[in-house]
Each structure stands twice: as C-alpha cells, then as structure tokens.
C-alpha cells in the first residue's frame, strides 16, 4: 500500500499482483474501492495495481467541496506516474475517469478497458427528472453496499458526481487522442458519452463479462 499526494489529499495505491509483464492500473466504481479488481488480478499477465480514488477506501476525503470524474482522473494520473506506463481498466465512474486519463496521457496508456459499474450513467447531457426513481434506487444500492461488513468506506459527497452534466461529445476528444479502447457491452443501458465512443475507429466492443473483457485487453497487451 502506497500513499501518494494528489492535490489537497493523499490517495492510496494497492498492489494486487506482482509480475514482469505489462502493468495494469484499475479504477473502481462509485462507492467502491480497489477490491473491485481483486478477483481479476490473477488473470492479468503482469503487475496489477488498483487505486482507492479520493473519498473512497483508504484515501483521504476532500474538505469543503464535492468530487468530480476529473478529480479522480487526476488521482489516477498521480498513480500512473508512480507505476509507469500502464493499461487501464475502469469500472463505472472509474471507466469515465479512465477515458479522460487515456486521452490525456496516450504516451503512457497503451490501451484501456471500460467496464460497467456504479456511476457509469452519470455525466449525462442534461438533468433528467424521469430518472428520479433510478437515482433513488442507485442511492439505496450504495447505502446497502456500504453497510456490508467487508465494505470499504466512502464519502457520501462522492455521490454528487451523479448530478454532473457534460455535452454528449465531451468524451470524443479524449477518445480520439487515446490508444485502443475496449468497451464491455452486455446489452444494458449506456450513457450518452459511451454511445459517442461506439462509432469511433479506435473503439472495439468486447464481452460485458469482466473476466472475459479483461482477457481481451491482455491479448492486446501481449500481442
């Protein structure tokens, strides 16, 4: 476990597996922590690191304001500097943050896998009153997850990212600058920013099952 300075807070980077192959860095879902990747670490042919994003797990909480996916992309950038060049895998809101980092640091991120998870449907174009029931269900899911004996703590202010809105094409510039993107598809709802990626030449649809999707990224990494 390594503590790293990211702006006003310290974040915690965990090493889940050692090895001499390509490096993998995992960014977890909203209201979760690095353990999103514990079961996947054995399937990767090299070192596996996973971050507790700000406000989650063992990382510090921000004081005086809420969080954004850009904040978490900044946390991931700090971790990337620590581990060196790495493939990225992001779950939920971590997938959006991974996309931002992949586009900002293409020289250090040779490929990225985007997985579903809590917070994935955030960052839509406009407020949507019709999603009130879905939002309540999401908050209840987070509270239930947090009450589990083995759950990592998270700052409730992290849930405010659900109310952040960006233009549909916000993600396009990052995706066009990034190296190959693998999109885990399982037929369930995807947000507008994900829809924007589907038609880009650098994006490839893969299995929506996490282990199978990661195997596709491993093939890319070892080709």
Foldseek 3Di string as FASTA:
>chain_A
DDWDDQPPWIWDKDKLDAADAAEEEEEEAPLAFQCVCNVQQVLAHHIYMYIGFEQWFPIHHDPPAFDELCSRLSVVVRVCVVVFAHEYEYEASRLVSNLQNQLVCQVRYQEYEYAYDHNQQAAAADDDPVCPVVLVVSVVVSVVQCPDPPGIGGDPSHSCSNVHYDDLCPSVSSLVSGAAYEYADDPDDGYSVVVVNPPDPRYHYDHNDVNRSVNVVSVVRVD
